PDB file of N, CA and C in Angstrom:
ATOM      1  N   UNK A   1     -22.339 -21.973  11.496  1.00  0.00           N
ATOM      2  CA  UNK A   1     -21.905 -20.748  11.094  1.00  0.00           C
ATOM      3  C   UNK A   1     -20.839 -20.753  10.088  1.00  0.00           C
ATOM      4  N   UNK A   2     -21.048 -19.884   9.121  1.00  0.00           N
ATOM      5  CA  UNK A   2     -20.146 -19.967   8.177  1.00  0.00           C
ATOM      6  C   UNK A   2     -19.064 -18.864   8.064  1.00  0.00           C
ATOM      7  N   UNK A   3     -17.780 -19.215   7.753  1.00  0.00           N
ATOM      8  CA  UNK A   3     -16.838 -18.214   7.697  1.00  0.00           C
ATOM      9  C   UNK A   3     -16.141 -18.052   6.220  1.00  0.00           C
ATOM     10  N   UNK A   4     -16.106 -16.905   5.936  1.00  0.00           N
ATOM     11  CA  UNK A   4     -15.532 -16.243   4.740  1.00  0.00           C
ATOM     12  C   UNK A   4     -14.081 -16.304   4.772  1.00  0.00           C
ATOM     13  N   UNK A   5     -13.406 -16.674   3.721  1.00  0.00           N
ATOM     14  CA  UNK A   5     -11.941 -16.308   3.601  1.00  0.00           C
ATOM     15  C   UNK A   5     -11.852 -14.905   3.211  1.00  0.00           C
ATOM     16  N   UNK A   6     -11.019 -14.257   4.298  1.00  0.00           N
ATOM     17  CA  UNK A   6     -10.796 -12.788   4.008  1.00  0.00           C
ATOM     18  C   UNK A   6      -9.617 -12.770   3.054  1.00  0.00           C
ATOM     19  N   UNK A   7      -9.564 -11.694   2.319  1.00  0.00           N
ATOM     20  CA  UNK A   7      -8.511 -11.232   1.525  1.00  0.00           C
ATOM     21  C   UNK A   7      -7.534 -10.455   2.264  1.00  0.00           C
ATOM     22  N   UNK A   8      -6.448 -10.817   2.819  1.00  0.00           N
ATOM     23  CA  UNK A   8      -5.703 -10.167   3.626  1.00  0.00           C
ATOM     24  C   UNK A   8      -4.458 -10.062   2.701  1.00  0.00           C
ATOM     25  N   UNK A   9      -3.352  -9.134   3.471  1.00  0.00           N
ATOM     26  CA  UNK A   9      -2.121  -8.792   2.700  1.00  0.00           C
ATOM     27  C   UNK A   9      -1.442  -9.820   1.993  1.00  0.00           C
ATOM     28  N   UNK A  10      -1.397 -10.975   2.717  1.00  0.00           N
ATOM     29  CA  UNK A  10      -0.542 -12.071   2.027  1.00  0.00           C
ATOM     30  C   UNK A  10      -1.366 -12.691   0.980  1.00  0.00           C
ATOM     31  N   UNK A  11      -2.619 -12.748   0.849  1.00  0.00           N
ATOM     32  CA  UNK A  11      -3.490 -13.446  -0.166  1.00  0.00           C
ATOM     33  C   UNK A  11      -3.325 -12.378  -1.291  1.00  0.00           C
ATOM     34  N   UNK A  12      -3.367 -11.106  -1.032  1.00  0.00           N
ATOM     35  CA  UNK A  12      -3.246 -10.054  -2.035  1.00  0.00           C
ATOM     36  C   UNK A  12      -1.894 -10.088  -2.896  1.00  0.00           C
ATOM     37  N   UNK A  13      -0.988 -10.172  -2.012  1.00  0.00           N
ATOM     38  CA  UNK A  13       0.541 -10.302  -2.423  1.00  0.00           C
ATOM     39  C   UNK A  13       0.667 -11.600  -3.226  1.00  0.00           C
ATOM     40  N   UNK A  14       0.106 -12.739  -2.919  1.00  0.00           N
ATOM     41  CA  UNK A  14       0.195 -14.037  -3.578  1.00  0.00           C
ATOM     42  C   UNK A  14      -0.426 -13.912  -4.931  1.00  0.00           C
ATOM     43  N   UNK A  15      -1.442 -13.276  -4.941  1.00  0.00           N
ATOM     44  CA  UNK A  15      -2.203 -13.279  -6.125  1.00  0.00           C
ATOM     45  C   UNK A  15      -1.594 -12.443  -7.443  1.00  0.00           C
ATOM     46  N   UNK A  16      -0.828 -11.301  -6.701  1.00  0.00           N
ATOM     47  CA  UNK A  16       0.064 -10.393  -7.596  1.00  0.00           C
ATOM     48  C   UNK A  16       1.325 -11.151  -8.215  1.00  0.00           C
ATOM     49  N   UNK A  17       1.747 -11.977  -7.189  1.00  0.00           N
ATOM     50  CA  UNK A  17       3.105 -12.735  -7.446  1.00  0.00           C
ATOM     51  C   UNK A  17       2.731 -13.747  -8.527  1.00  0.00           C
ATOM     52  N   UNK A  18       1.622 -14.559  -8.541  1.00  0.00           N
ATOM     53  CA  UNK A  18       1.189 -15.400  -9.497  1.00  0.00           C
ATOM     54  C   UNK A  18       1.128 -14.974 -10.901  1.00  0.00           C
ATOM     55  N   UNK A  19       1.037 -13.548 -11.033  1.00  0.00           N
ATOM     56  CA  UNK A  19       0.874 -12.868 -12.272  1.00  0.00           C
ATOM     57  C   UNK A  19       2.517 -12.675 -12.834  1.00  0.00           C
ATOM     58  N   UNK A  20       3.267 -12.959 -12.021  1.00  0.00           N
ATOM     59  CA  UNK A  20       4.658 -12.677 -12.347  1.00  0.00           C
ATOM     60  C   UNK A  20       5.187 -11.436 -11.846  1.00  0.00           C
ATOM     61  N   UNK A  21       4.681 -10.799 -11.003  1.00  0.00           N
ATOM     62  CA  UNK A  21       5.241  -9.481 -10.419  1.00  0.00           C
ATOM     63  C   UNK A  21       5.899  -9.867  -9.354  1.00  0.00           C
ATOM     64  N   UNK A  22       7.175  -9.381  -9.347  1.00  0.00           N
ATOM     65  CA  UNK A  22       8.200  -9.455  -8.105  1.00  0.00           C
ATOM     66  C   UNK A  22       8.032  -8.631  -7.001  1.00  0.00           C
ATOM     67  N   UNK A  23       7.615  -9.197  -5.968  1.00  0.00           N
ATOM     68  CA  UNK A  23       7.268  -8.488  -4.822  1.00  0.00           C
ATOM     69  C   UNK A  23       8.245  -8.946  -3.713  1.00  0.00           C
ATOM     70  N   UNK A  24       8.573  -7.987  -2.522  1.00  0.00           N
ATOM     71  CA  UNK A  24       9.336  -8.389  -1.441  1.00  0.00           C
ATOM     72  C   UNK A  24       8.334  -9.242  -0.484  1.00  0.00           C
ATOM     73  N   UNK A  25       9.099 -10.157   0.030  1.00  0.00           N
ATOM     74  CA  UNK A  25       7.939 -11.327   0.839  1.00  0.00           C
ATOM     75  C   UNK A  25       7.396 -10.421   1.893  1.00  0.00           C
ATOM     76  N   UNK A  26       7.912  -9.308   2.669  1.00  0.00           N
ATOM     77  CA  UNK A  26       7.370  -8.648   3.628  1.00  0.00           C
ATOM     78  C   UNK A  26       6.557  -7.453   3.160  1.00  0.00           C
ATOM     79  N   UNK A  27       5.999  -7.199   1.969  1.00  0.00           N
ATOM     80  CA  UNK A  27       5.635  -6.135   1.437  1.00  0.00           C
ATOM     81  C   UNK A  27       4.049  -5.870   1.874  1.00  0.00           C
ATOM     82  N   UNK A  28       3.717  -4.704   2.016  1.00  0.00           N
ATOM     83  CA  UNK A  28       2.434  -4.557   2.540  1.00  0.00           C
ATOM     84  C   UNK A  28       1.512  -4.249   1.640  1.00  0.00           C
ATOM     85  N   UNK A  29       0.276  -4.221   1.601  1.00  0.00           N
ATOM     86  CA  UNK A  29      -0.636  -4.082   0.291  1.00  0.00           C
ATOM     87  C   UNK A  29      -0.393  -2.846  -0.268  1.00  0.00           C
ATOM     88  N   UNK A  30      -0.039  -1.625   0.374  1.00  0.00           N
ATOM     89  CA  UNK A  30       0.011  -0.486  -0.513  1.00  0.00           C
ATOM     90  C   UNK A  30       1.538  -0.704  -1.325  1.00  0.00           C
ATOM     91  N   UNK A  31       2.531  -1.198  -0.877  1.00  0.00           N
ATOM     92  CA  UNK A  31       3.679  -1.453  -1.583  1.00  0.00           C
ATOM     93  C   UNK A  31       3.613  -2.605  -2.536  1.00  0.00           C
ATOM     94  N   UNK A  32       2.904  -3.366  -2.608  1.00  0.00           N
ATOM     95  CA  UNK A  32       2.392  -4.398  -3.546  1.00  0.00           C
ATOM     96  C   UNK A  32       1.504  -3.763  -4.873  1.00  0.00           C
ATOM     97  N   UNK A  33       0.540  -3.142  -4.196  1.00  0.00           N
ATOM     98  CA  UNK A  33      -0.235  -2.480  -5.298  1.00  0.00           C
ATOM     99  C   UNK A  33       0.664  -1.331  -5.924  1.00  0.00           C
ATOM    100  N   UNK A  34       1.582  -0.657  -5.541  1.00  0.00           N
ATOM    101  CA  UNK A  34       2.307   0.349  -6.000  1.00  0.00           C
ATOM    102  C   UNK A  34       3.129  -0.233  -6.916  1.00  0.00           C
ATOM    103  N   UNK A  35       3.988  -1.333  -6.603  1.00  0.00           N
ATOM    104  CA  UNK A  35       4.974  -1.967  -7.499  1.00  0.00           C
ATOM    105  C   UNK A  35       4.290  -2.632  -8.605  1.00  0.00           C
ATOM    106  N   UNK A  36       3.050  -2.963  -8.302  1.00  0.00           N
ATOM    107  CA  UNK A  36       2.209  -3.722  -9.609  1.00  0.00           C
ATOM    108  C   UNK A  36       1.902  -2.794 -10.619  1.00  0.00           C
ATOM    109  N   UNK A  37       1.320  -1.477  -9.976  1.00  0.00           N
ATOM    110  CA  UNK A  37       1.019  -0.486 -10.916  1.00  0.00           C
ATOM    111  C   UNK A  37       2.262  -0.055 -11.783  1.00  0.00           C
ATOM    112  N   UNK A  38       3.417   0.056 -10.955  1.00  0.00           N
ATOM    113  CA  UNK A  38       4.606   0.621 -11.660  1.00  0.00           C
ATOM    114  C   UNK A  38       4.920  -0.458 -12.924  1.00  0.00           C
ATOM    115  N   UNK A  39       4.812  -1.768 -12.421  1.00  0.00           N
ATOM    116  CA  UNK A  39       5.016  -2.801 -13.533  1.00  0.00           C
ATOM    117  C   UNK A  39       4.140  -2.646 -14.726  1.00  0.00           C
ATOM    118  N   UNK A  40       2.761  -2.390 -14.166  1.00  0.00           N
ATOM    119  CA  UNK A  40       1.839  -2.408 -15.227  1.00  0.00           C
ATOM    120  C   UNK A  40       1.907  -1.075 -16.358  1.00  0.00           C
ATOM    121  N   UNK A  41       2.561  -0.144 -15.713  1.00  0.00           N
ATOM    122  CA  UNK A  41       2.991   1.115 -16.576  1.00  0.00           C
ATOM    123  C   UNK A  41       4.045   0.709 -17.559  1.00  0.00           C
ATOM    124  N   UNK A  42       4.935   0.056 -17.089  1.00  0.00           N
ATOM    125  CA  UNK A  42       6.194  -0.302 -17.846  1.00  0.00           C
ATOM    126  C   UNK A  42       5.839  -1.158 -19.059  1.00  0.00           C
ATOM    127  N   UNK A  43       4.975  -2.255 -18.876  1.00  0.00           N
ATOM    128  CA  UNK A  43       4.616  -3.147 -19.881  1.00  0.00           C
ATOM    129  C   UNK A  43       3.340  -3.871 -19.135  1.00  0.00           C
ATOM    130  N   UNK A  44       2.329  -4.107 -20.111  1.00  0.00           N
ATOM    131  CA  UNK A  44       0.943  -4.522 -19.401  1.00  0.00           C
ATOM    132  C   UNK A  44       1.298  -6.032 -18.935  1.00  0.00           C
ATOM    133  N   UNK A  45       0.748  -6.046 -17.692  1.00  0.00           N
ATOM    134  CA  UNK A  45       0.937  -7.448 -16.789  1.00  0.00           C
ATOM    135  C   UNK A  45      -0.288  -8.205 -17.332  1.00  0.00           C
ATOM    136  N   UNK A  46      -0.134  -9.418 -18.135  1.00  0.00           N
ATOM    137  CA  UNK A  46      -1.409 -10.098 -18.363  1.00  0.00           C
ATOM    138  C   UNK A  46      -1.922 -10.514 -17.140  1.00  0.00           C
ATOM    139  N   UNK A  47      -3.268 -10.488 -17.070  1.00  0.00           N
ATOM    140  CA  UNK A  47      -4.277 -10.933 -16.186  1.00  0.00           C
ATOM    141  C   UNK A  47      -4.500  -9.845 -14.813  1.00  0.00           C
ATOM    142  N   UNK A  48      -3.712  -8.728 -15.017  1.00  0.00           N
ATOM    143  CA  UNK A  48      -3.835  -7.774 -13.939  1.00  0.00           C
ATOM    144  C   UNK A  48      -5.382  -7.038 -13.806  1.00  0.00           C
ATOM    145  N   UNK A  49      -5.550  -6.788 -15.132  1.00  0.00           N
ATOM    146  CA  UNK A  49      -7.037  -6.197 -15.375  1.00  0.00           C
ATOM    147  C   UNK A  49      -8.128  -6.894 -14.645  1.00  0.00           C
ATOM    148  N   UNK A  50      -7.857  -8.308 -14.930  1.00  0.00           N
ATOM    149  CA  UNK A  50      -8.779  -9.375 -14.583  1.00  0.00           C
ATOM    150  C   UNK A  50      -8.794  -9.562 -13.301  1.00  0.00           C
ATOM    151  N   UNK A  51      -7.877  -9.547 -12.426  1.00  0.00           N
ATOM    152  CA  UNK A  51      -7.571  -9.548 -11.164  1.00  0.00           C
ATOM    153  C   UNK A  51      -8.154  -8.637 -10.468  1.00  0.00           C
ATOM    154  N   UNK A  52      -8.029  -7.322 -11.028  1.00  0.00           N
ATOM    155  CA  UNK A  52      -8.516  -6.004 -10.269  1.00  0.00           C
ATOM    156  C   UNK A  52     -10.159  -6.312 -10.248  1.00  0.00           C
ATOM    157  N   UNK A  53     -10.678  -6.748 -11.342  1.00  0.00           N
ATOM    158  CA  UNK A  53     -12.083  -6.918 -11.450  1.00  0.00           C
ATOM    159  C   UNK A  53     -12.568  -7.998 -10.532  1.00  0.00           C
ATOM    160  N   UNK A  54     -11.788  -9.124 -10.422  1.00  0.00           N
ATOM    161  CA  UNK A  54     -12.267 -10.075  -9.437  1.00  0.00           C
ATOM    162  C   UNK A  54     -12.069  -9.752  -8.151  1.00  0.00           C
ATOM    163  N   UNK A  55     -11.011  -8.840  -7.650  1.00  0.00           N
ATOM    164  CA  UNK A  55     -11.026  -8.355  -6.437  1.00  0.00           C
ATOM    165  C   UNK A  55     -11.871  -7.360  -5.948  1.00  0.00           C
ATOM    166  N   UNK A  56     -12.469  -6.451  -6.903  1.00  0.00           N
ATOM    167  CA  UNK A  56     -13.308  -5.722  -6.620  1.00  0.00           C
ATOM    168  C   UNK A  56     -14.831  -6.293  -6.315  1.00  0.00           C
ATOM    169  N   UNK A  57     -15.040  -7.265  -7.099  1.00  0.00           N
ATOM    170  CA  UNK A  57     -16.233  -8.061  -6.788  1.00  0.00           C
ATOM    171  C   UNK A  57     -16.421  -8.856  -5.490  1.00  0.00           C
ATOM    172  N   UNK A  58     -15.060  -8.982  -4.743  1.00  0.00           N
ATOM    173  CA  UNK A  58     -15.099  -9.519  -3.394  1.00  0.00           C
ATOM    174  C   UNK A  58     -14.556  -8.513  -2.270  1.00  0.00           C
ATOM    175  N   UNK A  59     -14.957  -7.404  -2.691  1.00  0.00           N
ATOM    176  CA  UNK A  59     -14.588  -6.165  -1.611  1.00  0.00           C
ATOM    177  C   UNK A  59     -15.363  -6.456  -0.252  1.00  0.00           C
ATOM    178  N   UNK A  60     -16.304  -7.083  -0.227  1.00  0.00           N
ATOM    179  CA  UNK A  60     -16.807  -7.362   1.249  1.00  0.00           C
ATOM    180  C   UNK A  60     -16.213  -8.359   1.900  1.00  0.00           C
ATOM    181  N   UNK A  61     -15.259  -9.104   1.433  1.00  0.00           N
ATOM    182  CA  UNK A  61     -14.438 -10.011   2.213  1.00  0.00           C
ATOM    183  C   UNK A  61     -12.927  -9.527   2.037  1.00  0.00           C
ATOM    184  N   UNK A  62     -12.640  -8.221   1.833  1.00  0.00           N
ATOM    185  CA  UNK A  62     -11.380  -7.782   1.769  1.00  0.00           C
ATOM    186  C   UNK A  62     -10.992  -6.814   3.004  1.00  0.00           C
ATOM    187  N   UNK A  63      -9.676  -6.967   3.443  1.00  0.00           N
ATOM    188  CA  UNK A  63      -9.358  -6.196   4.698  1.00  0.00           C
ATOM    189  C   UNK A  63      -9.257  -4.837   4.072  1.00  0.00           C
ATOM    190  N   UNK A  64      -9.326  -3.753   4.968  1.00  0.00           N
ATOM    191  CA  UNK A  64      -9.709  -2.451   4.599  1.00  0.00           C
ATOM    192  C   UNK A  64      -8.281  -2.040   3.778  1.00  0.00           C
ATOM    193  N   UNK A  65      -7.060  -2.443   4.431  1.00  0.00           N
ATOM    194  CA  UNK A  65      -5.701  -1.829   3.813  1.00  0.00           C
ATOM    195  C   UNK A  65      -5.526  -2.439   2.459  1.00  0.00           C
ATOM    196  N   UNK A  66      -6.082  -3.596   2.242  1.00  0.00           N
ATOM    197  CA  UNK A  66      -6.077  -4.302   0.777  1.00  0.00           C
ATOM    198  C   UNK A  66      -7.066  -3.434  -0.087  1.00  0.00           C
ATOM    199  N   UNK A  67      -8.047  -3.061   0.281  1.00  0.00           N
ATOM    200  CA  UNK A  67      -9.132  -2.311  -0.484  1.00  0.00           C
ATOM    201  C   UNK A  67      -8.526  -0.990  -0.685  1.00  0.00           C
ATOM    202  N   UNK A  68      -7.986  -0.374   0.203  1.00  0.00           N
ATOM    203  CA  UNK A  68      -7.310   0.985  -0.104  1.00  0.00           C
ATOM    204  C   UNK A  68      -6.092   1.011  -1.085  1.00  0.00           C
ATOM    205  N   UNK A  69      -5.316  -0.011  -0.885  1.00  0.00           N
ATOM    206  CA  UNK A  69      -4.280  -0.353  -1.972  1.00  0.00           C
ATOM    207  C   UNK A  69      -4.888  -0.552  -3.469  1.00  0.00           C
ATOM    208  N   UNK A  70      -5.685  -1.367  -3.442  1.00  0.00           N
ATOM    209  CA  UNK A  70      -6.652  -1.820  -4.756  1.00  0.00           C
ATOM    210  C   UNK A  70      -7.193  -0.334  -5.402  1.00  0.00           C
ATOM    211  N   UNK A  71      -7.688   0.414  -4.694  1.00  0.00           N
ATOM    212  CA  UNK A  71      -8.339   1.571  -5.056  1.00  0.00           C
ATOM    213  C   UNK A  71      -7.643   2.875  -5.453  1.00  0.00           C
ATOM    214  N   UNK A  72      -6.486   2.892  -4.514  1.00  0.00           N
ATOM    215  CA  UNK A  72      -5.330   3.999  -4.677  1.00  0.00           C
ATOM    216  C   UNK A  72      -4.508   3.757  -6.072  1.00  0.00           C
ATOM    217  N   UNK A  73      -4.025   2.483  -6.126  1.00  0.00           N
ATOM    218  CA  UNK A  73      -2.991   2.207  -7.146  1.00  0.00           C
ATOM    219  C   UNK A  73      -3.453   1.238  -8.284  1.00  0.00           C
ATOM    220  N   UNK A  74      -4.188   0.237  -7.983  1.00  0.00           N
ATOM    221  CA  UNK A  74      -4.433  -0.791  -9.173  1.00  0.00           C
ATOM    222  C   UNK A  74      -5.622  -0.340 -10.006  1.00  0.00           C
ATOM    223  N   UNK A  75      -6.560   0.285  -9.367  1.00  0.00           N
ATOM    224  CA  UNK A  75      -7.927   0.548 -10.354  1.00  0.00           C
ATOM    225  C   UNK A  75      -7.413   1.584 -11.343  1.00  0.00           C
ATOM    226  N   UNK A  76      -6.797   2.650 -10.927  1.00  0.00           N
ATOM    227  CA  UNK A  76      -6.133   3.668 -11.791  1.00  0.00           C
ATOM    228  C   UNK A  76      -5.270   3.037 -12.997  1.00  0.00           C
ATOM    229  N   UNK A  77      -4.479   2.030 -12.344  1.00  0.00           N
ATOM    230  CA  UNK A  77      -3.488   1.484 -13.422  1.00  0.00           C
ATOM    231  C   UNK A  77      -4.145   0.666 -14.378  1.00  0.00           C
ATOM    232  N   UNK A  78      -5.202   0.073 -14.206  1.00  0.00           N
ATOM    233  CA  UNK A  78      -5.849  -0.671 -15.316  1.00  0.00           C
ATOM    234  C   UNK A  78      -6.916  -0.146 -15.864  1.00  0.00           C
ATOM    235  N   UNK A  79      -7.391   0.885 -15.352  1.00  0.00           N
ATOM    236  CA  UNK A  79      -8.636   1.731 -15.701  1.00  0.00           C
ATOM    237  C   UNK A  79      -8.615   2.413 -16.990  1.00  0.00           C
TER     238      UNK A  79
END
């Protein structure tokens, strides 16, 4: 049996932090995405558009709350 690694709240947060976005340790996906979108609006975050594209391609292994945050905040921010 094969198990896929799910993109959960912590993985989502870590990927955004890796781009240099300062996020609270206990931030939920909606907060992470909202803060990342605000940062993108202030000054383009290098790699954010590529990350959004990568995450969109992995939607089948993404938890629903992460997917909702991505669609609600990050897709419009980089689109």
